[in-house]
């Protein structure tokens, strides 16, 4: 994966996280509180400005009540 492809994926992931958060009617502040992180991390992640580590993504799946594959945008056969 090139750096450009990675940045594009990061932005798509952020958009997906934001869409899921809004669908659950949660604010960035609420998600940050449940995840135990600063609100800035949620904002930067949604805006594609932050690298996401697996442990953080797993915490997000719990908060947003979705599977990791859905959060990451993977389709399982």
Protein backbone atom coordinates (compact mmCIF):
# COMPACT_ATOMS: atom_id res chain seq x y z
CA UNK A 1 0.00 0.00 0.00
CA UNK A 2 1.43 3.35 -0.98
CA UNK A 3 1.40 6.33 1.36
CA UNK A 4 -1.30 7.97 -0.76
CA UNK A 5 -3.47 4.83 -0.60
CA UNK A 6 -2.93 4.65 3.15
CA UNK A 7 -3.98 8.29 3.64
CA UNK A 8 -7.08 7.68 1.51
CA UNK A 9 -7.97 4.59 3.58
CA UNK A 10 -7.38 6.58 6.78
CA UNK A 11 -9.84 9.23 5.59
CA UNK A 12 -12.43 6.61 4.63
CA UNK A 13 -12.04 4.93 8.02
CA UNK A 14 -12.54 8.28 9.75
CA UNK A 15 -15.65 8.97 7.70
CA UNK A 16 -17.01 5.52 8.62
CA UNK A 17 -16.33 6.09 12.32
CA UNK A 18 -18.07 9.46 12.20
CA UNK A 19 -21.07 8.01 10.36
CA UNK A 20 -21.40 5.19 12.91
CA UNK A 21 -21.04 7.62 15.83
CA UNK A 22 -23.74 9.90 14.45
CA UNK A 23 -26.04 6.94 13.75
CA UNK A 24 -25.76 6.04 17.46
CA UNK A 25 -26.53 9.69 18.34
CA UNK A 26 -23.25 10.03 20.24
CA UNK A 27 -21.10 13.12 20.52
CA UNK A 28 -17.34 13.01 20.13
CA UNK A 29 -17.13 13.85 23.81
CA UNK A 30 -19.29 10.87 24.77
CA UNK A 31 -17.25 8.48 22.62
CA UNK A 32 -14.00 9.85 24.04
CA UNK A 33 -15.27 9.38 27.59
CA UNK A 34 -16.34 5.77 27.01
CA UNK A 35 -13.09 4.98 25.17
CA UNK A 36 -10.95 6.64 27.82
CA UNK A 37 -9.25 9.00 25.38
CA UNK A 38 -9.22 12.73 24.73
CA UNK A 39 -11.89 14.15 22.44
CA UNK A 40 -9.13 15.46 20.16
CA UNK A 41 -8.16 11.86 19.31
CA UNK A 42 -11.72 11.13 18.17
CA UNK A 43 -11.78 14.31 16.06
CA UNK A 44 -8.38 13.61 14.50
CA UNK A 45 -9.36 10.01 13.78
CA UNK A 46 -12.62 11.06 12.12
CA UNK A 47 -10.72 13.60 10.03
CA UNK A 48 -8.15 11.04 8.89
CA UNK A 49 -5.33 12.80 10.72
CA UNK A 50 -4.51 10.08 13.24
CA UNK A 51 -3.09 6.60 12.80
CA UNK A 52 -5.39 4.09 14.47
CA UNK A 53 -3.94 1.30 16.55
CA UNK A 54 -5.76 -2.00 16.85
CA UNK A 55 -6.38 -1.66 20.59
CA UNK A 56 -8.06 1.72 20.02
CA UNK A 57 -10.16 0.32 17.17
CA UNK A 58 -11.33 -2.56 19.37
CA UNK A 59 -12.41 -0.09 22.07
CA UNK A 60 -14.26 1.90 19.39
CA UNK A 61 -16.10 -1.24 18.21
CA UNK A 62 -17.37 -1.77 21.75
CA UNK A 63 -18.47 1.86 22.07
CA UNK A 64 -20.17 1.95 18.67
CA UNK A 65 -21.55 -1.59 19.03
CA UNK A 66 -20.20 -2.82 15.69
CA UNK A 67 -17.83 -5.56 14.63
CA UNK A 68 -14.24 -4.81 13.70
CA UNK A 69 -14.86 -5.85 10.09
CA UNK A 70 -17.74 -3.36 9.82
CA UNK A 71 -15.68 -0.59 11.38
CA UNK A 72 -12.77 -1.28 9.03
CA UNK A 73 -15.03 -1.61 6.00
CA UNK A 74 -14.23 -5.24 5.23
CA UNK A 75 -16.82 -7.58 3.83
CA UNK A 76 -16.69 -11.14 5.09
CA UNK A 77 -17.79 -14.02 2.89
